[in-house]
Amino acid sequence: KAEYLFLQLQARDQDLALYEAKMDTYTKLEGKMSAKIHELQGQVAYYEGKFKE
C-alpha cells in the first residue's frame, strides 16, 4: 500500500513538473505577444497621426 501511494505521488510530481513547464512556456509566449501587440499599437497610432496631417 505504501509503495502504491509512493508511485501515485511520483506520478503527481511528474504531472506537476510538466504543468509548470507548460505554464513557463505559456508565460513567455504571452510576454512576446504582449510586446508585439504594443509594437503594433504604436505603429497604428503613428500611421493614424500621419493620415490626419
PDB file of N, CA and C in Angstrom:
ATOM      1  N   LYS A   1       0.825  -1.205   0.000  1.00  0.00           N
ATOM      2  CA  LYS A   1       0.000   0.000   0.000  1.00  0.00           C
ATOM      3  C   LYS A   1       0.869   1.269   0.000  1.00  0.00           C
ATOM      4  N   ALA A   2       1.902   1.270   0.816  1.00  0.00           N
ATOM      5  CA  ALA A   2       2.789   2.437   0.863  1.00  0.00           C
ATOM      6  C   ALA A   2       3.476   2.640  -0.487  1.00  0.00           C
ATOM      7  N   GLU A   3       3.853   1.530  -1.128  1.00  0.00           N
ATOM      8  CA  GLU A   3       4.506   1.627  -2.434  1.00  0.00           C
ATOM      9  C   GLU A   3       3.549   2.219  -3.471  1.00  0.00           C
ATOM     10  N   TYR A   4       2.309   1.809  -3.409  1.00  0.00           N
ATOM     11  CA  TYR A   4       1.281   2.339  -4.318  1.00  0.00           C
ATOM     12  C   TYR A   4       1.138   3.851  -4.133  1.00  0.00           C
ATOM     13  N   LEU A   5       1.068   4.282  -2.875  1.00  0.00           N
ATOM     14  CA  LEU A   5       0.942   5.714  -2.590  1.00  0.00           C
ATOM     15  C   LEU A   5       2.176   6.477  -3.068  1.00  0.00           C
ATOM     16  N   PHE A   6       3.344   5.870  -2.880  1.00  0.00           N
ATOM     17  CA  PHE A   6       4.590   6.485  -3.330  1.00  0.00           C
ATOM     18  C   PHE A   6       4.573   6.676  -4.853  1.00  0.00           C
ATOM     19  N   LEU A   7       4.113   5.645  -5.573  1.00  0.00           N
ATOM     20  CA  LEU A   7       4.033   5.739  -7.034  1.00  0.00           C
ATOM     21  C   LEU A   7       3.021   6.806  -7.459  1.00  0.00           C
ATOM     22  N   GLN A   8       1.924   6.908  -6.722  1.00  0.00           N
ATOM     23  CA  GLN A   8       0.923   7.937  -7.016  1.00  0.00           C
ATOM     24  C   GLN A   8       1.539   9.333  -6.854  1.00  0.00           C
ATOM     25  N   LEU A   9       2.298   9.502  -5.772  1.00  0.00           N
ATOM     26  CA  LEU A   9       2.944  10.794  -5.530  1.00  0.00           C
ATOM     27  C   LEU A   9       3.974  11.109  -6.610  1.00  0.00           C
ATOM     28  N   GLN A  10       4.730  10.100  -7.013  1.00  0.00           N
ATOM     29  CA  GLN A  10       5.726  10.297  -8.076  1.00  0.00           C
ATOM     30  C   GLN A  10       5.046  10.741  -9.368  1.00  0.00           C
ATOM     31  N   ALA A  11       3.950  10.077  -9.712  1.00  0.00           N
ATOM     32  CA  ALA A  11       3.215  10.421 -10.933  1.00  0.00           C
ATOM     33  C   ALA A  11       2.681  11.846 -10.838  1.00  0.00           C
ATOM     34  N   ARG A  12       2.191  12.210  -9.662  1.00  0.00           N
ATOM     35  CA  ARG A  12       1.666  13.561  -9.476  1.00  0.00           C
ATOM     36  C   ARG A  12       2.783  14.594  -9.597  1.00  0.00           C
ATOM     37  N   ASP A  13       3.945  14.277  -9.041  1.00  0.00           N
ATOM     38  CA  ASP A  13       5.093  15.181  -9.158  1.00  0.00           C
ATOM     39  C   ASP A  13       5.487  15.383 -10.619  1.00  0.00           C
ATOM     40  N   GLN A  14       5.460  14.305 -11.400  1.00  0.00           N
ATOM     41  CA  GLN A  14       5.798  14.405 -12.824  1.00  0.00           C
ATOM     42  C   GLN A  14       4.766  15.259 -13.553  1.00  0.00           C
ATOM     43  N   ASP A  15       3.489  15.052 -13.240  1.00  0.00           N
ATOM     44  CA  ASP A  15       2.430  15.856 -13.850  1.00  0.00           C
ATOM     45  C   ASP A  15       2.605  17.329 -13.508  1.00  0.00           C
ATOM     46  N   LEU A  16       2.950  17.587 -12.253  1.00  0.00           N
ATOM     47  CA  LEU A  16       3.141  18.960 -11.802  1.00  0.00           C
ATOM     48  C   LEU A  16       4.323  19.610 -12.527  1.00  0.00           C
ATOM     49  N   ALA A  17       5.413  18.878 -12.673  1.00  0.00           N
ATOM     50  CA  ALA A  17       6.592  19.403 -13.373  1.00  0.00           C
ATOM     51  C   ALA A  17       6.249  19.714 -14.826  1.00  0.00           C
ATOM     52  N   LEU A  18       5.470  18.833 -15.451  1.00  0.00           N
ATOM     53  CA  LEU A  18       5.048  19.045 -16.838  1.00  0.00           C
ATOM     54  C   LEU A  18       4.164  20.289 -16.938  1.00  0.00           C
ATOM     55  N   TYR A  19       3.237  20.408 -16.005  1.00  0.00           N
ATOM     56  CA  TYR A  19       2.339  21.563 -15.973  1.00  0.00           C
ATOM     57  C   TYR A  19       3.132  22.860 -15.792  1.00  0.00           C
ATOM     58  N   GLU A  20       4.103  22.838 -14.867  1.00  0.00           N
ATOM     59  CA  GLU A  20       4.917  24.036 -14.630  1.00  0.00           C
ATOM     60  C   GLU A  20       5.708  24.415 -15.876  1.00  0.00           C
ATOM     61  N   ALA A  21       6.223  23.415 -16.591  1.00  0.00           N
ATOM     62  CA  ALA A  21       6.969  23.687 -17.825  1.00  0.00           C
ATOM     63  C   ALA A  21       6.048  24.307 -18.875  1.00  0.00           C
ATOM     64  N   LYS A  22       4.826  23.781 -18.975  1.00  0.00           N
ATOM     65  CA  LYS A  22       3.864  24.335 -19.940  1.00  0.00           C
ATOM     66  C   LYS A  22       3.492  25.762 -19.576  1.00  0.00           C
ATOM     67  N   MET A  23       3.302  26.017 -18.284  1.00  0.00           N
ATOM     68  CA  MET A  23       2.955  27.365 -17.840  1.00  0.00           C
ATOM     69  C   MET A  23       4.100  28.337 -18.114  1.00  0.00           C
ATOM     70  N   ASP A  24       5.331  27.890 -17.923  1.00  0.00           N
ATOM     71  CA  ASP A  24       6.504  28.720 -18.196  1.00  0.00           C
ATOM     72  C   ASP A  24       6.537  29.099 -19.675  1.00  0.00           C
ATOM     73  N   THR A  25       6.312  28.109 -20.533  1.00  0.00           N
ATOM     74  CA  THR A  25       6.280  28.358 -21.978  1.00  0.00           C
ATOM     75  C   THR A  25       5.162  29.336 -22.320  1.00  0.00           C
ATOM     76  N   TYR A  26       3.985  29.107 -21.744  1.00  0.00           N
ATOM     77  CA  TYR A  26       2.835  29.977 -21.995  1.00  0.00           C
ATOM     78  C   TYR A  26       3.130  31.411 -21.560  1.00  0.00           C
ATOM     79  N   THR A  27       3.732  31.553 -20.384  1.00  0.00           N
ATOM     80  CA  THR A  27       4.046  32.883 -19.855  1.00  0.00           C
ATOM     81  C   THR A  27       5.026  33.615 -20.771  1.00  0.00           C
ATOM     82  N   LYS A  28       6.035  32.885 -21.274  1.00  0.00           N
ATOM     83  CA  LYS A  28       6.996  33.506 -22.195  1.00  0.00           C
ATOM     84  C   LYS A  28       6.312  33.929 -23.494  1.00  0.00           C
ATOM     85  N   LEU A  29       5.449  33.055 -24.029  1.00  0.00           N
ATOM     86  CA  LEU A  29       4.732  33.385 -25.259  1.00  0.00           C
ATOM     87  C   LEU A  29       3.814  34.582 -25.047  1.00  0.00           C
ATOM     88  N   GLU A  30       3.147  34.610 -23.901  1.00  0.00           N
ATOM     89  CA  GLU A  30       2.255  35.714 -23.584  1.00  0.00           C
ATOM     90  C   GLU A  30       3.030  37.029 -23.532  1.00  0.00           C
ATOM     91  N   GLY A  31       4.224  36.985 -22.962  1.00  0.00           N
ATOM     92  CA  GLY A  31       5.062  38.181 -22.904  1.00  0.00           C
ATOM     93  C   GLY A  31       5.462  38.664 -24.287  1.00  0.00           C
ATOM     94  N   LYS A  32       5.835  37.723 -25.154  1.00  0.00           N
ATOM     95  CA  LYS A  32       6.217  38.086 -26.525  1.00  0.00           C
ATOM     96  C   LYS A  32       5.024  38.668 -27.280  1.00  0.00           C
ATOM     97  N   MET A  33       3.847  38.038 -27.116  1.00  0.00           N
ATOM     98  CA  MET A  33       2.651  38.521 -27.801  1.00  0.00           C
ATOM     99  C   MET A  33       2.275  39.910 -27.312  1.00  0.00           C
ATOM    100  N   SER A  34       2.388  40.127 -26.009  1.00  0.00           N
ATOM    101  CA  SER A  34       2.057  41.421 -25.429  1.00  0.00           C
ATOM    102  C   SER A  34       2.978  42.504 -25.992  1.00  0.00           C
ATOM    103  N   ALA A  35       4.264  42.190 -26.089  1.00  0.00           N
ATOM    104  CA  ALA A  35       5.230  43.146 -26.643  1.00  0.00           C
ATOM    105  C   ALA A  35       4.897  43.447 -28.103  1.00  0.00           C
ATOM    106  N   LYS A  36       4.531  42.416 -28.859  1.00  0.00           N
ATOM    107  CA  LYS A  36       4.195  42.597 -30.273  1.00  0.00           C
ATOM    108  C   LYS A  36       2.934  43.443 -30.420  1.00  0.00           C
ATOM    109  N   ILE A  37       1.943  43.197 -29.563  1.00  0.00           N
ATOM    110  CA  ILE A  37       0.705  43.983 -29.606  1.00  0.00           C
ATOM    111  C   ILE A  37       1.004  45.456 -29.337  1.00  0.00           C
ATOM    112  N   HIS A  38       1.842  45.734 -28.340  1.00  0.00           N
ATOM    113  CA  HIS A  38       2.205  47.129 -28.040  1.00  0.00           C
ATOM    114  C   HIS A  38       2.929  47.764 -29.224  1.00  0.00           C
ATOM    115  N   GLU A  39       3.805  46.988 -29.857  1.00  0.00           N
ATOM    116  CA  GLU A  39       4.538  47.484 -31.027  1.00  0.00           C
ATOM    117  C   GLU A  39       3.562  47.835 -32.155  1.00  0.00           C
ATOM    118  N   LEU A  40       2.615  46.938 -32.410  1.00  0.00           N
ATOM    119  CA  LEU A  40       1.640  47.179 -33.477  1.00  0.00           C
ATOM    120  C   LEU A  40       0.724  48.354 -33.142  1.00  0.00           C
ATOM    121  N   GLN A  41       0.339  48.485 -31.880  1.00  0.00           N
ATOM    122  CA  GLN A  41      -0.499  49.619 -31.475  1.00  0.00           C
ATOM    123  C   GLN A  41       0.247  50.932 -31.698  1.00  0.00           C
ATOM    124  N   GLY A  42       1.542  50.908 -31.429  1.00  0.00           N
ATOM    125  CA  GLY A  42       2.354  52.096 -31.663  1.00  0.00           C
ATOM    126  C   GLY A  42       2.413  52.447 -33.143  1.00  0.00           C
ATOM    127  N   GLN A  43       2.547  51.434 -33.985  1.00  0.00           N
ATOM    128  CA  GLN A  43       2.582  51.662 -35.432  1.00  0.00           C
ATOM    129  C   GLN A  43       1.251  52.204 -35.931  1.00  0.00           C
ATOM    130  N   VAL A  44       0.154  51.646 -35.433  1.00  0.00           N
ATOM    131  CA  VAL A  44      -1.173  52.117 -35.830  1.00  0.00           C
ATOM    132  C   VAL A  44      -1.340  53.582 -35.443  1.00  0.00           C
ATOM    133  N   ALA A  45      -0.956  53.926 -34.227  1.00  0.00           N
ATOM    134  CA  ALA A  45      -1.076  55.312 -33.760  1.00  0.00           C
ATOM    135  C   ALA A  45      -0.228  56.235 -34.635  1.00  0.00           C
ATOM    136  N   TYR A  46       0.967  55.779 -34.987  1.00  0.00           N
ATOM    137  CA  TYR A  46       1.867  56.571 -35.833  1.00  0.00           C
ATOM    138  C   TYR A  46       1.216  56.859 -37.189  1.00  0.00           C
ATOM    139  N   TYR A  47       0.688  55.804 -37.819  1.00  0.00           N
ATOM    140  CA  TYR A  47       0.093  55.991 -39.145  1.00  0.00           C
ATOM    141  C   TYR A  47      -1.217  56.759 -39.085  1.00  0.00           C
ATOM    142  N   GLU A  48      -1.976  56.598 -38.012  1.00  0.00           N
ATOM    143  CA  GLU A  48      -3.196  57.399 -37.863  1.00  0.00           C
ATOM    144  C   GLU A  48      -2.830  58.874 -37.784  1.00  0.00           C
ATOM    145  N   GLY A  49      -1.760  59.170 -37.054  1.00  0.00           N
ATOM    146  CA  GLY A  49      -1.292  60.548 -36.955  1.00  0.00           C
ATOM    147  C   GLY A  49      -0.833  61.078 -38.300  1.00  0.00           C
ATOM    148  N   LYS A  50      -0.155  60.242 -39.071  1.00  0.00           N
ATOM    149  CA  LYS A  50       0.334  60.634 -40.402  1.00  0.00           C
ATOM    150  C   LYS A  50      -0.822  60.990 -41.328  1.00  0.00           C
ATOM    151  N   PHE A  51      -1.883  60.158 -41.289  1.00  0.00           N
ATOM    152  CA  PHE A  51      -3.005  60.371 -42.209  1.00  0.00           C
ATOM    153  C   PHE A  51      -3.833  61.590 -41.826  1.00  0.00           C
ATOM    154  N   LYS A  52      -3.771  62.002 -40.568  1.00  0.00           N
ATOM    155  CA  LYS A  52      -4.540  63.169 -40.124  1.00  0.00           C
ATOM    156  C   LYS A  52      -3.880  64.465 -40.576  1.00  0.00           C
ATOM    157  N   GLU A  53      -2.573  64.388 -40.814  1.00  0.00           N
ATOM    158  CA  GLU A  53      -1.835  65.607 -41.193  1.00  0.00           C
ATOM    159  C   GLU A  53      -2.216  66.089 -42.581  1.00  0.00           C
TER     160      GLU A  53
END
